[in-house]
């Protein structure tokens, strides 16, 4: 096997597995680096790898399981709601360009936190990548019957939705456009019109950025809150850009010097925005560098609501 030839294919494969399992771009990149090192050591030692993709999938999955077990205590102590790191569709790194379907949505990645490491591996390998049970059993070192049971339990705990995301969803694009226009105009009523009555707003600051400590529910409360943030941000030269992250529309907020402050992901369902996830933790935005200091903006502005 010529590793230089295989790498452009194997890196995205390993990243696809690791990111879905870990919900972290940085941790997934670590898995890919460690996986490529193992491939190099294997080939340098003269050992043949008949199926590089199978070897890479196995290494990525097992390294991700180890990473999840190591991170268990850290995530238990996490400050405020935990959200995955956003994966932007226009990310310039080729290794990050994975199929952005429902299995990589923020909702599903967040719900995967309910699963244990092996459950998560089986779910990702089967639901996202379509591996057969024989291959999954070999990778996670369980028999096929056990893997079927694991997947059954995982499916009961994770709701993936009814349809895959459509990157050209005109209705979603229209709603998001109206949402952004209403925010820029400071029109609370117009913002409410594109939100579902029971919309849920969640923010992840991880103790590293000002963020609400529990989800906010209701169209009026969320609309007022977001309009207030926009007004304060406008006074400081904060800009926004619409793109897509994790298969869904998102808005990237940047400071006046171009540093990333947050990524606001919007879930459109039944003709309205039903959930909004705001990732502000600078540690989870490092792959979108440069990253801004929202606490510094808060000090500059004075009174500023937690985002």
Protein backbone atom coordinates (compact mmCIF):
# COMPACT_ATOMS: atom_id res chain seq x y z
CA UNK A 1 0.00 0.00 0.00
CA UNK A 2 1.25 3.45 -0.96
CA UNK A 3 0.19 5.58 2.01
CA UNK A 4 0.72 8.85 0.12
CA UNK A 5 -1.75 7.69 -2.52
CA UNK A 6 -4.31 6.33 -0.05
CA UNK A 7 -4.18 9.24 2.45
CA UNK A 8 -6.58 11.60 0.60
CA UNK A 9 -9.26 8.91 0.85
CA UNK A 10 -8.44 7.50 4.27
CA UNK A 11 -8.25 10.82 6.13
CA UNK A 12 -11.84 11.87 5.32
CA UNK A 13 -13.07 8.35 6.14
CA UNK A 14 -11.46 8.40 9.58
CA UNK A 15 -12.60 11.98 10.21
CA UNK A 16 -16.17 11.05 9.25
CA UNK A 17 -16.25 8.30 11.86
CA UNK A 18 -14.41 10.20 14.59
CA UNK A 19 -16.36 13.46 14.22
CA UNK A 20 -19.73 11.72 14.40
CA UNK A 21 -18.63 9.77 17.47
CA UNK A 22 -16.93 12.63 19.30
CA UNK A 23 -18.78 15.74 18.12
CA UNK A 24 -15.45 17.54 18.11
CA UNK A 25 -13.42 18.67 15.11
CA UNK A 26 -10.24 18.96 17.17
CA UNK A 27 -10.62 15.52 18.76
CA UNK A 28 -11.50 13.98 15.39
CA UNK A 29 -8.35 15.50 13.89
CA UNK A 30 -6.33 13.94 16.73
CA UNK A 31 -7.86 10.55 15.91
CA UNK A 32 -6.99 10.98 12.23
CA UNK A 33 -3.39 11.88 13.06
CA UNK A 34 -3.04 8.90 15.38
CA UNK A 35 -4.69 6.64 12.81
CA UNK A 36 -2.37 7.77 10.02
CA UNK A 37 0.59 7.17 12.31
CA UNK A 38 -0.55 3.60 12.91
CA UNK A 39 -0.96 3.07 9.18
CA UNK A 40 2.55 4.41 8.60
CA UNK A 41 4.03 2.19 11.32
CA UNK A 42 2.27 -0.84 9.87
CA UNK A 43 3.47 -0.25 6.32
CA UNK A 44 6.97 0.83 7.39
CA UNK A 45 7.27 -2.43 9.27
CA UNK A 46 6.60 -4.35 6.09
CA UNK A 47 3.16 -5.59 7.11
CA UNK A 48 0.65 -5.79 4.29
CA UNK A 49 -2.73 -4.07 4.61
CA UNK A 50 -5.09 -5.79 2.21
CA UNK A 51 -8.00 -3.40 2.84
CA UNK A 52 -6.74 0.05 3.87
CA UNK A 53 -10.28 1.38 4.28
CA UNK A 54 -11.21 -1.44 6.66
CA UNK A 55 -8.02 -0.94 8.65
CA UNK A 56 -8.57 2.84 8.83
CA UNK A 57 -12.22 2.41 9.88
CA UNK A 58 -11.22 0.00 12.64
CA UNK A 59 -8.45 2.23 13.95
CA UNK A 60 -10.63 5.37 13.88
CA UNK A 61 -13.50 3.65 15.66
CA UNK A 62 -11.38 2.11 18.40
CA UNK A 63 -9.44 5.33 18.98
CA UNK A 64 -12.73 7.22 19.22
CA UNK A 65 -14.08 4.72 21.75
CA UNK A 66 -10.92 5.23 23.84
CA UNK A 67 -11.29 9.02 23.55
CA UNK A 68 -14.92 8.88 24.69
CA UNK A 69 -14.04 6.82 27.73
CA UNK A 70 -11.27 9.27 28.64
CA UNK A 71 -13.56 12.28 28.15
CA UNK A 72 -16.43 10.91 30.22
CA UNK A 73 -15.51 12.70 33.44
CA UNK A 74 -14.70 15.95 31.62
CA UNK A 75 -18.12 16.05 29.98
CA UNK A 76 -19.84 15.31 33.28
CA UNK A 77 -18.29 18.50 34.70
CA UNK A 78 -18.96 20.63 31.62
CA UNK A 79 -20.33 24.11 32.38
CA UNK A 80 -23.80 24.63 30.90
CA UNK A 81 -25.31 22.83 27.90
CA UNK A 82 -22.96 20.80 25.71
CA UNK A 83 -23.19 21.26 21.93
CA UNK A 84 -21.00 19.68 19.24
CA UNK A 85 -18.42 21.71 17.37
CA UNK A 86 -19.98 23.08 14.17
CA UNK A 87 -18.74 21.70 10.88
CA UNK A 88 -19.20 24.34 8.19
CA UNK A 89 -19.98 23.25 4.65
CA UNK A 90 -17.44 25.75 3.29
CA UNK A 91 -14.63 24.49 5.52
CA UNK A 92 -11.45 24.72 3.44
CA UNK A 93 -9.92 21.53 4.87
CA UNK A 94 -10.63 18.65 2.41
CA UNK A 95 -10.53 16.16 5.30
CA UNK A 96 -13.58 17.88 6.85
CA UNK A 97 -15.77 17.56 3.77
CA UNK A 98 -17.99 14.68 4.79
CA UNK A 99 -21.56 14.01 3.74
CA UNK A 100 -23.63 16.39 5.85
CA UNK A 101 -26.80 14.38 6.35
CA UNK A 102 -29.05 13.89 9.38
CA UNK A 103 -26.44 11.76 11.17
CA UNK A 104 -24.13 14.77 11.42
CA UNK A 105 -26.83 17.26 12.48
CA UNK A 106 -26.34 18.99 15.81
CA UNK A 107 -29.54 17.40 17.12
CA UNK A 108 -28.36 13.86 16.42
CA UNK A 109 -24.79 14.49 17.59
CA UNK A 110 -26.17 15.93 20.82
CA UNK A 111 -28.47 12.96 21.34
CA UNK A 112 -25.55 10.59 20.73
CA UNK A 113 -24.23 11.86 24.06
CA UNK A 114 -26.87 9.62 25.63
CA UNK A 115 -25.10 6.53 24.28
CA UNK A 116 -22.11 4.67 25.60
CA UNK A 117 -18.95 4.51 23.44
CA UNK A 118 -19.67 1.11 21.85
CA UNK A 119 -23.35 1.98 21.29
CA UNK A 120 -22.27 5.17 19.57
CA UNK A 121 -19.77 3.31 17.39
CA UNK A 122 -22.36 0.77 16.25
CA UNK A 123 -24.90 3.51 15.52
CA UNK A 124 -22.44 5.59 13.49
CA UNK A 125 -21.02 2.66 11.52
CA UNK A 126 -24.46 1.33 10.62
CA UNK A 127 -26.63 4.44 10.29
CA UNK A 128 -24.10 6.90 8.86
CA UNK A 129 -21.73 4.69 6.89
CA UNK A 130 -23.87 1.64 6.08
CA UNK A 131 -21.42 -0.99 7.33
CA UNK A 132 -22.78 -4.54 7.46
CA UNK A 133 -23.12 -6.27 10.80
CA UNK A 134 -20.20 -8.64 10.16
CA UNK A 135 -17.84 -5.69 9.67
CA UNK A 136 -19.24 -3.79 12.67
CA UNK A 137 -18.88 -6.89 14.86
CA UNK A 138 -15.22 -7.23 13.85
CA UNK A 139 -14.49 -3.56 14.55
CA UNK A 140 -16.15 -3.33 17.99
CA UNK A 141 -15.24 -6.90 18.94
CA UNK A 142 -18.77 -8.11 19.59
CA UNK A 143 -20.76 -10.81 17.83
CA UNK A 144 -23.31 -9.86 15.17
CA UNK A 145 -26.33 -10.63 17.36
CA UNK A 146 -25.01 -8.33 20.06
CA UNK A 147 -24.44 -5.57 17.50
CA UNK A 148 -28.03 -5.87 16.29
CA UNK A 149 -29.27 -5.50 19.85
CA UNK A 150 -26.96 -2.57 20.49
CA UNK A 151 -28.24 -0.79 17.38
CA UNK A 152 -31.86 -1.48 18.36
CA UNK A 153 -31.31 0.13 21.77
CA UNK A 154 -29.40 3.03 20.24
CA UNK A 155 -32.19 3.74 17.76
CA UNK A 156 -34.69 3.85 20.60
CA UNK A 157 -32.62 6.51 22.35
CA UNK A 158 -31.75 8.58 19.29
CA UNK A 159 -34.39 10.08 17.02
CA UNK A 160 -32.91 10.89 13.63
CA UNK A 161 -35.93 12.47 11.96
CA UNK A 162 -37.85 11.37 8.91
CA UNK A 163 -35.96 12.83 5.96
CA UNK A 164 -32.41 13.64 5.03
CA UNK A 165 -31.44 17.27 4.78
CA UNK A 166 -31.61 18.91 1.38
CA UNK A 167 -28.81 21.41 0.82
CA UNK A 168 -31.02 23.19 -1.75
CA UNK A 169 -34.08 23.48 0.46
CA UNK A 170 -35.64 26.69 -0.89
CA UNK A 171 -38.19 26.95 1.90
CA UNK A 172 -35.51 26.74 4.58
CA UNK A 173 -33.41 29.33 2.75
CA UNK A 174 -36.40 31.68 2.56
CA UNK A 175 -37.18 31.31 6.26
CA UNK A 176 -33.59 31.89 7.27
CA UNK A 177 -33.38 34.93 4.99
CA UNK A 178 -36.50 36.38 6.61
CA UNK A 179 -35.07 35.58 10.03
CA UNK A 180 -31.83 37.44 9.31
CA UNK A 181 -33.64 40.41 7.77
CA UNK A 182 -35.90 40.65 10.82
CA UNK A 183 -32.92 40.49 13.19
CA UNK A 184 -31.11 43.22 11.30
CA UNK A 185 -34.25 45.37 11.37
CA UNK A 186 -34.72 44.76 15.09
CA UNK A 187 -38.29 43.61 14.38
CA UNK A 188 -39.35 41.26 17.18
CA UNK A 189 -42.72 40.47 15.57
CA UNK A 190 -41.07 39.56 12.26
CA UNK A 191 -38.61 37.28 14.05
CA UNK A 192 -41.49 35.58 15.84
CA UNK A 193 -43.27 34.90 12.54
CA UNK A 194 -40.52 32.54 11.40
CA UNK A 195 -40.12 30.80 14.77
CA UNK A 196 -42.25 27.91 15.98
CA UNK A 197 -44.30 28.67 19.09
CA UNK A 198 -42.19 26.28 21.14
CA UNK A 199 -38.80 27.13 19.64
CA UNK A 200 -35.85 26.18 21.84
CA UNK A 201 -32.67 28.26 21.99
CA UNK A 202 -29.56 26.57 23.41
CA UNK A 203 -26.14 28.14 23.90
CA UNK A 204 -22.79 26.50 24.65
CA UNK A 205 -20.20 28.74 26.27
CA UNK A 206 -18.53 26.00 28.30
CA UNK A 207 -17.56 28.58 30.90
CA UNK A 208 -15.28 30.16 28.30
CA UNK A 209 -17.80 32.64 26.87
CA UNK A 210 -20.91 34.36 28.25
CA UNK A 211 -23.87 32.06 27.60
CA UNK A 212 -27.23 31.22 29.12
CA UNK A 213 -26.94 28.24 31.43
CA UNK A 214 -30.13 26.50 30.36
CA UNK A 215 -32.20 26.39 27.17
CA UNK A 216 -34.70 29.19 26.50
CA UNK A 217 -38.14 28.26 25.17
CA UNK A 218 -40.90 30.20 23.42
CA UNK A 219 -41.03 32.42 20.34
CA UNK A 220 -41.51 35.73 22.16
CA UNK A 221 -38.71 35.19 24.68
CA UNK A 222 -36.27 33.95 22.04
CA UNK A 223 -37.15 36.71 19.56
CA UNK A 224 -36.69 39.46 22.14
CA UNK A 225 -33.44 37.96 23.32
CA UNK A 226 -31.94 37.63 19.85
CA UNK A 227 -33.01 41.11 18.76
CA UNK A 228 -31.38 42.51 21.89
CA UNK A 229 -28.13 40.70 21.08
CA UNK A 230 -28.16 41.97 17.51
CA UNK A 231 -28.63 45.57 18.63
CA UNK A 232 -25.69 45.34 21.01
CA UNK A 233 -23.54 43.53 18.48
CA UNK A 234 -24.24 46.14 15.82
CA UNK A 235 -22.81 48.88 18.03
CA UNK A 236 -19.54 46.93 18.18
CA UNK A 237 -19.27 46.19 14.47
CA UNK A 238 -20.23 42.52 14.75
CA UNK A 239 -21.01 41.07 11.31
CA UNK A 240 -22.88 37.97 10.23
CA UNK A 241 -22.65 35.59 7.30
CA UNK A 242 -25.13 32.92 6.30
CA UNK A 243 -23.82 29.48 5.35
CA UNK A 244 -24.51 25.88 6.37
CA UNK A 245 -23.18 23.75 9.22
CA UNK A 246 -23.91 20.10 9.94
CA UNK A 247 -26.40 19.90 7.10
CA UNK A 248 -28.48 22.86 8.27
CA UNK A 249 -28.55 26.65 7.79
CA UNK A 250 -26.30 28.61 10.11
CA UNK A 251 -25.08 32.14 10.77
CA UNK A 252 -21.44 32.84 11.56
CA UNK A 253 -20.91 35.93 13.72
CA UNK A 254 -17.58 37.72 13.54
CA UNK A 255 -16.05 40.70 15.31
CA UNK A 256 -15.03 43.84 13.45
CA UNK A 257 -11.53 42.39 12.93
CA UNK A 258 -12.89 39.21 11.35
CA UNK A 259 -12.50 36.86 14.34
CA UNK A 260 -15.18 34.19 14.81
CA UNK A 261 -17.43 34.84 17.82
CA UNK A 262 -20.16 32.23 17.42
CA UNK A 263 -21.97 29.90 15.05
CA UNK A 264 -25.76 29.95 15.26
CA UNK A 265 -27.30 26.82 13.72
CA UNK A 266 -30.99 26.83 12.76
CA UNK A 267 -33.21 23.75 12.56
CA UNK A 268 -36.14 24.26 10.21
CA UNK A 269 -39.09 21.93 10.67
CA UNK A 270 -42.70 22.11 9.46
CA UNK A 271 -42.29 25.56 7.96
CA UNK A 272 -40.69 27.25 10.97
CA UNK A 273 -37.43 27.50 12.86
CA UNK A 274 -37.95 25.07 15.71
CA UNK A 275 -34.53 24.98 17.36
CA UNK A 276 -31.55 27.31 17.50
CA UNK A 277 -28.11 26.25 18.75
CA UNK A 278 -25.46 28.87 19.46
CA UNK A 279 -21.88 27.64 19.76
CA UNK A 280 -19.78 30.29 21.53
CA UNK A 281 -17.13 28.24 23.31
CA UNK A 282 -13.85 29.46 21.76
CA UNK A 283 -12.28 26.05 22.33
CA UNK A 284 -14.89 24.61 19.95
CA UNK A 285 -14.33 27.27 17.30
CA UNK A 286 -10.58 26.91 16.94
CA UNK A 287 -10.92 25.21 13.55
CA UNK A 288 -12.58 28.46 12.38
CA UNK A 289 -9.62 30.57 13.49
CA UNK A 290 -9.05 33.34 14.27
CA UNK A 291 -11.40 33.18 17.25
CA UNK A 292 -12.57 36.29 19.07
CA UNK A 293 -12.84 37.01 22.77
CA UNK A 294 -16.50 37.52 23.59
CA UNK A 295 -15.74 38.31 27.23
CA UNK A 296 -13.60 41.22 26.02
CA UNK A 297 -16.54 42.50 23.96
CA UNK A 298 -18.77 42.21 27.01
CA UNK A 299 -16.36 44.35 29.00
CA UNK A 300 -16.19 46.85 26.17
CA UNK A 301 -19.97 47.07 25.84
CA UNK A 302 -20.73 47.02 29.55
CA UNK A 303 -24.11 45.43 30.23
CA UNK A 304 -24.51 42.52 27.81
CA UNK A 305 -26.94 39.60 28.16
CA UNK A 306 -25.53 36.09 28.25
CA UNK A 307 -25.82 34.68 24.76
